[in-house]
Amino acid sequence: MKINYSKQSVKFLKKQDRITQKRIIDAINKLPNGDVKKMQGRAGYRLRVGNFRIIFDLAGNILYIEEIDNRGQIYK
């Protein structure tokens, strides 16, 4: 499975410390396992990693990471 990251998600990952980066990337690589739910009111899915949320979409064999942010900020 090919994983594509948006500019925003790469920028957010670079701001985090190494341990947090590793946790988030490991969770993304283990998809579709994990705490995944279909989004309501918008397209895509969300993955929960602690206090972080990852909004992604799956198109065939390509996984597109749209957004990564803190729990309270991502849904605004």
PDB file of N, CA and C in Angstrom:
ATOM      1  N   MET A   1       0.840  -1.181   0.000  1.00  0.00           N
ATOM      2  CA  MET A   1       0.000   0.000   0.000  1.00  0.00           C
ATOM      3  C   MET A   1       0.885   1.244   0.000  1.00  0.00           C
ATOM      4  N   LYS A   2       0.578   2.158  -0.914  1.00  0.00           N
ATOM      5  CA  LYS A   2       1.350   3.396  -1.018  1.00  0.00           C
ATOM      6  C   LYS A   2       0.707   4.459  -0.126  1.00  0.00           C
ATOM      7  N   ILE A   3       1.532   5.195   0.605  1.00  0.00           N
ATOM      8  CA  ILE A   3       1.040   6.223   1.520  1.00  0.00           C
ATOM      9  C   ILE A   3       1.510   7.590   1.043  1.00  0.00           C
ATOM     10  N   ASN A   4       0.553   8.497   0.805  1.00  0.00           N
ATOM     11  CA  ASN A   4       0.856   9.873   0.418  1.00  0.00           C
ATOM     12  C   ASN A   4       0.463  10.800   1.553  1.00  0.00           C
ATOM     13  N   TYR A   5       1.338  11.760   1.867  1.00  0.00           N
ATOM     14  CA  TYR A   5       1.092  12.719   2.938  1.00  0.00           C
ATOM     15  C   TYR A   5       0.824  14.094   2.347  1.00  0.00           C
ATOM     16  N   SER A   6      -0.124  14.825   2.914  1.00  0.00           N
ATOM     17  CA  SER A   6      -0.363  16.211   2.497  1.00  0.00           C
ATOM     18  C   SER A   6       0.734  17.097   3.078  1.00  0.00           C
ATOM     19  N   LYS A   7       0.841  18.328   2.573  1.00  0.00           N
ATOM     20  CA  LYS A   7       1.829  19.279   3.095  1.00  0.00           C
ATOM     21  C   LYS A   7       1.597  19.552   4.571  1.00  0.00           C
ATOM     22  N   GLN A   8       0.324  19.712   4.955  1.00  0.00           N
ATOM     23  CA  GLN A   8      -0.016  20.021   6.344  1.00  0.00           C
ATOM     24  C   GLN A   8       0.412  18.897   7.275  1.00  0.00           C
ATOM     25  N   SER A   9       0.202  17.660   6.865  1.00  0.00           N
ATOM     26  CA  SER A   9       0.546  16.538   7.743  1.00  0.00           C
ATOM     27  C   SER A   9       2.060  16.391   7.897  1.00  0.00           C
ATOM     28  N   VAL A  10       2.817  16.634   6.845  1.00  0.00           N
ATOM     29  CA  VAL A  10       4.281  16.581   6.935  1.00  0.00           C
ATOM     30  C   VAL A  10       4.784  17.694   7.851  1.00  0.00           C
ATOM     31  N   LYS A  11       4.210  18.891   7.706  1.00  0.00           N
ATOM     32  CA  LYS A  11       4.600  20.035   8.537  1.00  0.00           C
ATOM     33  C   LYS A  11       4.310  19.752  10.014  1.00  0.00           C
ATOM     34  N   PHE A  12       3.146  19.163  10.308  1.00  0.00           N
ATOM     35  CA  PHE A  12       2.790  18.843  11.693  1.00  0.00           C
ATOM     36  C   PHE A  12       3.749  17.803  12.267  1.00  0.00           C
ATOM     37  N   LEU A  13       4.072  16.783  11.482  1.00  0.00           N
ATOM     38  CA  LEU A  13       4.983  15.734  11.955  1.00  0.00           C
ATOM     39  C   LEU A  13       6.365  16.293  12.268  1.00  0.00           C
ATOM     40  N   LYS A  14       6.850  17.222  11.448  1.00  0.00           N
ATOM     41  CA  LYS A  14       8.185  17.794  11.670  1.00  0.00           C
ATOM     42  C   LYS A  14       8.254  18.606  12.956  1.00  0.00           C
ATOM     43  N   LYS A  15       7.123  19.162  13.392  1.00  0.00           N
ATOM     44  CA  LYS A  15       7.100  19.961  14.615  1.00  0.00           C
ATOM     45  C   LYS A  15       7.133  19.103  15.879  1.00  0.00           C
ATOM     46  N   GLN A  16       6.790  17.823  15.758  1.00  0.00           N
ATOM     47  CA  GLN A  16       6.704  16.940  16.922  1.00  0.00           C
ATOM     48  C   GLN A  16       8.077  16.371  17.280  1.00  0.00           C
ATOM     49  N   ASP A  17       8.191  15.904  18.531  1.00  0.00           N
ATOM     50  CA  ASP A  17       9.449  15.274  18.934  1.00  0.00           C
ATOM     51  C   ASP A  17       9.552  13.875  18.307  1.00  0.00           C
ATOM     52  N   ARG A  18      10.732  13.276  18.381  1.00  0.00           N
ATOM     53  CA  ARG A  18      10.997  11.996  17.711  1.00  0.00           C
ATOM     54  C   ARG A  18      10.064  10.877  18.178  1.00  0.00           C
ATOM     55  N   ILE A  19       9.797  10.823  19.478  1.00  0.00           N
ATOM     56  CA  ILE A  19       8.963   9.748  20.021  1.00  0.00           C
ATOM     57  C   ILE A  19       7.542   9.850  19.475  1.00  0.00           C
ATOM     58  N   THR A  20       7.004  11.069  19.438  1.00  0.00           N
ATOM     59  CA  THR A  20       5.652  11.282  18.919  1.00  0.00           C
ATOM     60  C   THR A  20       5.598  10.983  17.431  1.00  0.00           C
ATOM     61  N   GLN A  21       6.616  11.416  16.688  1.00  0.00           N
ATOM     62  CA  GLN A  21       6.676  11.122  15.258  1.00  0.00           C
ATOM     63  C   GLN A  21       6.629   9.620  15.023  1.00  0.00           C
ATOM     64  N   LYS A  22       7.425   8.877  15.793  1.00  0.00           N
ATOM     65  CA  LYS A  22       7.492   7.426  15.631  1.00  0.00           C
ATOM     66  C   LYS A  22       6.146   6.779  15.948  1.00  0.00           C
ATOM     67  N   ARG A  23       5.469   7.230  17.022  1.00  0.00           N
ATOM     68  CA  ARG A  23       4.149   6.686  17.373  1.00  0.00           C
ATOM     69  C   ARG A  23       3.140   6.886  16.254  1.00  0.00           C
ATOM     70  N   ILE A  24       3.111   8.096  15.688  1.00  0.00           N
ATOM     71  CA  ILE A  24       2.146   8.413  14.640  1.00  0.00           C
ATOM     72  C   ILE A  24       2.452   7.628  13.367  1.00  0.00           C
ATOM     73  N   ILE A  25       3.703   7.596  12.960  1.00  0.00           N
ATOM     74  CA  ILE A  25       4.085   6.885  11.735  1.00  0.00           C
ATOM     75  C   ILE A  25       3.858   5.383  11.875  1.00  0.00           C
ATOM     76  N   ASP A  26       4.167   4.821  13.047  1.00  0.00           N
ATOM     77  CA  ASP A  26       3.908   3.394  13.281  1.00  0.00           C
ATOM     78  C   ASP A  26       2.422   3.082  13.176  1.00  0.00           C
ATOM     79  N   ALA A  27       1.574   3.955  13.734  1.00  0.00           N
ATOM     80  CA  ALA A  27       0.121   3.753  13.670  1.00  0.00           C
ATOM     81  C   ALA A  27      -0.372   3.815  12.227  1.00  0.00           C
ATOM     82  N   ILE A  28       0.174   4.742  11.436  1.00  0.00           N
ATOM     83  CA  ILE A  28      -0.222   4.865  10.031  1.00  0.00           C
ATOM     84  C   ILE A  28       0.196   3.621   9.259  1.00  0.00           C
ATOM     85  N   ASN A  29       1.402   3.117   9.526  1.00  0.00           N
ATOM     86  CA  ASN A  29       1.887   1.940   8.811  1.00  0.00           C
ATOM     87  C   ASN A  29       1.102   0.676   9.152  1.00  0.00           C
ATOM     88  N   LYS A  30       0.462   0.652  10.329  1.00  0.00           N
ATOM     89  CA  LYS A  30      -0.305  -0.524  10.743  1.00  0.00           C
ATOM     90  C   LYS A  30      -1.750  -0.492  10.257  1.00  0.00           C
ATOM     91  N   LEU A  31      -2.158   0.574   9.562  1.00  0.00           N
ATOM     92  CA  LEU A  31      -3.527   0.646   9.062  1.00  0.00           C
ATOM     93  C   LEU A  31      -3.821  -0.559   8.186  1.00  0.00           C
ATOM     94  N   PRO A  32      -4.989  -1.112   8.198  1.00  0.00           N
ATOM     95  CA  PRO A  32      -6.259  -0.653   8.752  1.00  0.00           C
ATOM     96  C   PRO A  32      -6.484  -1.025  10.220  1.00  0.00           C
ATOM     97  N   ASN A  33      -5.503  -1.599  10.890  1.00  0.00           N
ATOM     98  CA  ASN A  33      -5.654  -1.900  12.317  1.00  0.00           C
ATOM     99  C   ASN A  33      -5.526  -0.619  13.120  1.00  0.00           C
ATOM    100  N   GLY A  34      -6.180  -0.579  14.259  1.00  0.00           N
ATOM    101  CA  GLY A  34      -6.139   0.595  15.120  1.00  0.00           C
ATOM    102  C   GLY A  34      -7.537   1.123  15.360  1.00  0.00           C
ATOM    103  N   ASP A  35      -7.618   2.255  16.028  1.00  0.00           N
ATOM    104  CA  ASP A  35      -8.901   2.871  16.341  1.00  0.00           C
ATOM    105  C   ASP A  35      -9.333   3.735  15.158  1.00  0.00           C
ATOM    106  N   VAL A  36      -9.973   3.099  14.172  1.00  0.00           N
ATOM    107  CA  VAL A  36     -10.380   3.766  12.936  1.00  0.00           C
ATOM    108  C   VAL A  36     -11.896   3.853  12.899  1.00  0.00           C
ATOM    109  N   LYS A  37     -12.402   5.035  12.556  1.00  0.00           N
ATOM    110  CA  LYS A  37     -13.843   5.214  12.388  1.00  0.00           C
ATOM    111  C   LYS A  37     -14.096   6.022  11.125  1.00  0.00           C
ATOM    112  N   LYS A  38     -15.248   5.769  10.503  1.00  0.00           N
ATOM    113  CA  LYS A  38     -15.651   6.536   9.333  1.00  0.00           C
ATOM    114  C   LYS A  38     -16.112   7.905   9.794  1.00  0.00           C
ATOM    115  N   MET A  39     -15.725   8.941   9.062  1.00  0.00           N
ATOM    116  CA  MET A  39     -16.103  10.307   9.410  1.00  0.00           C
ATOM    117  C   MET A  39     -17.587  10.535   9.121  1.00  0.00           C
ATOM    118  N   GLN A  40     -18.236  11.335   9.947  1.00  0.00           N
ATOM    119  CA  GLN A  40     -19.618  11.725   9.727  1.00  0.00           C
ATOM    120  C   GLN A  40     -19.641  13.163   9.241  1.00  0.00           C
ATOM    121  N   GLY A  41     -20.363  13.401   8.167  1.00  0.00           N
ATOM    122  CA  GLY A  41     -20.485  14.759   7.652  1.00  0.00           C
ATOM    123  C   GLY A  41     -19.375  15.157   6.705  1.00  0.00           C
ATOM    124  N   ARG A  42     -18.411  14.282   6.492  1.00  0.00           N
ATOM    125  CA  ARG A  42     -17.357  14.545   5.511  1.00  0.00           C
ATOM    126  C   ARG A  42     -16.756  13.213   5.082  1.00  0.00           C
ATOM    127  N   ALA A  43     -16.084  13.220   3.967  1.00  0.00           N
ATOM    128  CA  ALA A  43     -15.534  11.975   3.420  1.00  0.00           C
ATOM    129  C   ALA A  43     -14.283  11.562   4.185  1.00  0.00           C
ATOM    130  N   GLY A  44     -14.010  10.287   4.216  1.00  0.00           N
ATOM    131  CA  GLY A  44     -12.774   9.793   4.793  1.00  0.00           C
ATOM    132  C   GLY A  44     -12.967   9.102   6.128  1.00  0.00           C
ATOM    133  N   TYR A  45     -11.831   8.818   6.746  1.00  0.00           N
ATOM    134  CA  TYR A  45     -11.789   8.097   8.009  1.00  0.00           C
ATOM    135  C   TYR A  45     -10.879   8.842   8.969  1.00  0.00           C
ATOM    136  N   ARG A  46     -10.972   8.496  10.265  1.00  0.00           N
ATOM    137  CA  ARG A  46     -10.058   9.081  11.238  1.00  0.00           C
ATOM    138  C   ARG A  46      -9.416   7.962  12.038  1.00  0.00           C
ATOM    139  N   LEU A  47      -8.161   8.182  12.373  1.00  0.00           N
ATOM    140  CA  LEU A  47      -7.385   7.260  13.198  1.00  0.00           C
ATOM    141  C   LEU A  47      -7.010   8.000  14.467  1.00  0.00           C
ATOM    142  N   ARG A  48      -7.227   7.363  15.609  1.00  0.00           N
ATOM    143  CA  ARG A  48      -6.895   7.976  16.893  1.00  0.00           C
ATOM    144  C   ARG A  48      -5.577   7.398  17.389  1.00  0.00           C
ATOM    145  N   VAL A  49      -4.642   8.303  17.729  1.00  0.00           N
ATOM    146  CA  VAL A  49      -3.358   7.919  18.315  1.00  0.00           C
ATOM    147  C   VAL A  49      -3.154   8.827  19.522  1.00  0.00           C
ATOM    148  N   GLY A  50      -3.593   8.373  20.695  1.00  0.00           N
ATOM    149  CA  GLY A  50      -3.506   9.203  21.892  1.00  0.00           C
ATOM    150  C   GLY A  50      -4.358  10.445  21.724  1.00  0.00           C
ATOM    151  N   ASN A  51      -3.757  11.634  21.900  1.00  0.00           N
ATOM    152  CA  ASN A  51      -4.477  12.896  21.737  1.00  0.00           C
ATOM    153  C   ASN A  51      -4.419  13.426  20.313  1.00  0.00           C
ATOM    154  N   PHE A  52      -3.879  12.648  19.403  1.00  0.00           N
ATOM    155  CA  PHE A  52      -3.760  13.072  18.012  1.00  0.00           C
ATOM    156  C   PHE A  52      -4.792  12.357  17.160  1.00  0.00           C
ATOM    157  N   ARG A  53      -5.241  13.059  16.108  1.00  0.00           N
ATOM    158  CA  ARG A  53      -6.168  12.477  15.159  1.00  0.00           C
ATOM    159  C   ARG A  53      -5.568  12.588  13.772  1.00  0.00           C
ATOM    160  N   ILE A  54      -5.742  11.535  12.987  1.00  0.00           N
ATOM    161  CA  ILE A  54      -5.232  11.495  11.625  1.00  0.00           C
ATOM    162  C   ILE A  54      -6.427  11.282  10.708  1.00  0.00           C
ATOM    163  N   ILE A  55      -6.675  12.234   9.820  1.00  0.00           N
ATOM    164  CA  ILE A  55      -7.760  12.134   8.856  1.00  0.00           C
ATOM    165  C   ILE A  55      -7.150  11.591   7.569  1.00  0.00           C
ATOM    166  N   PHE A  56      -7.707  10.486   7.078  1.00  0.00           N
ATOM    167  CA  PHE A  56      -7.157   9.885   5.869  1.00  0.00           C
ATOM    168  C   PHE A  56      -8.271   9.373   4.979  1.00  0.00           C
ATOM    169  N   ASP A  57      -7.913   9.097   3.727  1.00  0.00           N
ATOM    170  CA  ASP A  57      -8.846   8.538   2.763  1.00  0.00           C
ATOM    171  C   ASP A  57      -8.151   7.406   2.038  1.00  0.00           C
ATOM    172  N   LEU A  58      -8.912   6.425   1.654  1.00  0.00           N
ATOM    173  CA  LEU A  58      -8.372   5.244   0.989  1.00  0.00           C
ATOM    174  C   LEU A  58      -8.957   5.169  -0.410  1.00  0.00           C
ATOM    175  N   ALA A  59      -8.091   5.218  -1.414  1.00  0.00           N
ATOM    176  CA  ALA A  59      -8.528   5.125  -2.809  1.00  0.00           C
ATOM    177  C   ALA A  59      -7.774   3.981  -3.465  1.00  0.00           C
ATOM    178  N   GLY A  60      -8.415   2.830  -3.567  1.00  0.00           N
ATOM    179  CA  GLY A  60      -7.761   1.666  -4.150  1.00  0.00           C
ATOM    180  C   GLY A  60      -6.623   1.208  -3.278  1.00  0.00           C
ATOM    181  N   ASN A  61      -5.423   1.280  -3.806  1.00  0.00           N
ATOM    182  CA  ASN A  61      -4.235   0.840  -3.076  1.00  0.00           C
ATOM    183  C   ASN A  61      -3.419   2.024  -2.554  1.00  0.00           C
ATOM    184  N   ILE A  62      -4.007   3.235  -2.593  1.00  0.00           N
ATOM    185  CA  ILE A  62      -3.303   4.443  -2.154  1.00  0.00           C
ATOM    186  C   ILE A  62      -3.987   4.985  -0.903  1.00  0.00           C
ATOM    187  N   LEU A  63      -3.196   5.208   0.128  1.00  0.00           N
ATOM    188  CA  LEU A  63      -3.673   5.786   1.381  1.00  0.00           C
ATOM    189  C   LEU A  63      -3.205   7.235   1.408  1.00  0.00           C
ATOM    190  N   TYR A  64      -4.157   8.183   1.452  1.00  0.00           N
ATOM    191  CA  TYR A  64      -3.812   9.601   1.444  1.00  0.00           C
ATOM    192  C   TYR A  64      -4.058  10.190   2.824  1.00  0.00           C
ATOM    193  N   ILE A  65      -2.998  10.633   3.489  1.00  0.00           N
ATOM    194  CA  ILE A  65      -3.091  11.266   4.802  1.00  0.00           C
ATOM    195  C   ILE A  65      -3.409  12.737   4.575  1.00  0.00           C
ATOM    196  N   GLU A  66      -4.638  13.157   4.896  1.00  0.00           N
ATOM    197  CA  GLU A  66      -5.077  14.526   4.635  1.00  0.00           C
ATOM    198  C   GLU A  66      -4.636  15.490   5.720  1.00  0.00           C
ATOM    199  N   GLU A  67      -4.816  15.079   6.997  1.00  0.00           N
ATOM    200  CA  GLU A  67      -4.551  15.984   8.112  1.00  0.00           C
ATOM    201  C   GLU A  67      -4.083  15.205   9.328  1.00  0.00           C
ATOM    202  N   ILE A  68      -3.172  15.799  10.081  1.00  0.00           N
ATOM    203  CA  ILE A  68      -2.779  15.285  11.390  1.00  0.00           C
ATOM    204  C   ILE A  68      -2.792  16.490  12.324  1.00  0.00           C
ATOM    205  N   ASP A  69      -3.468  16.354  13.462  1.00  0.00           N
ATOM    206  CA  ASP A  69      -3.526  17.473  14.403  1.00  0.00           C
ATOM    207  C   ASP A  69      -3.953  16.961  15.772  1.00  0.00           C
ATOM    208  N   ASN A  70      -3.978  17.878  16.739  1.00  0.00           N
ATOM    209  CA  ASN A  70      -4.439  17.546  18.079  1.00  0.00           C
ATOM    210  C   ASN A  70      -5.936  17.292  18.061  1.00  0.00           C
ATOM    211  N   ARG A  71      -6.395  16.575  19.054  1.00  0.00           N
ATOM    212  CA  ARG A  71      -7.792  16.159  19.139  1.00  0.00           C
ATOM    213  C   ARG A  71      -8.768  17.331  19.024  1.00  0.00           C
ATOM    214  N   GLY A  72      -8.517  18.412  19.718  1.00  0.00           N
ATOM    215  CA  GLY A  72      -9.455  19.527  19.736  1.00  0.00           C
ATOM    216  C   GLY A  72      -9.399  20.414  18.509  1.00  0.00           C
ATOM    217  N   GLN A  73      -8.327  20.380  17.766  1.00  0.00           N
ATOM    218  CA  GLN A  73      -8.134  21.301  16.637  1.00  0.00           C
ATOM    219  C   GLN A  73      -8.536  20.729  15.284  1.00  0.00           C
ATOM    220  N   ILE A  74      -8.526  19.439  15.130  1.00  0.00           N
ATOM    221  CA  ILE A  74      -8.647  18.838  13.797  1.00  0.00           C
ATOM    222  C   ILE A  74     -10.044  18.954  13.215  1.00  0.00           C
ATOM    223  N   TYR A  75     -11.069  18.987  14.031  1.00  0.00           N
ATOM    224  CA  TYR A  75     -12.429  18.981  13.506  1.00  0.00           C
ATOM    225  C   TYR A  75     -12.970  20.375  13.218  1.00  0.00           C
ATOM    226  N   LYS A  76     -12.170  21.419  13.437  1.00  0.00           N
ATOM    227  CA  LYS A  76     -12.628  22.799  13.208  1.00  0.00           C
ATOM    228  C   LYS A  76     -12.498  23.193  11.767  1.00  0.00           C
TER     229      LYS A  76
END
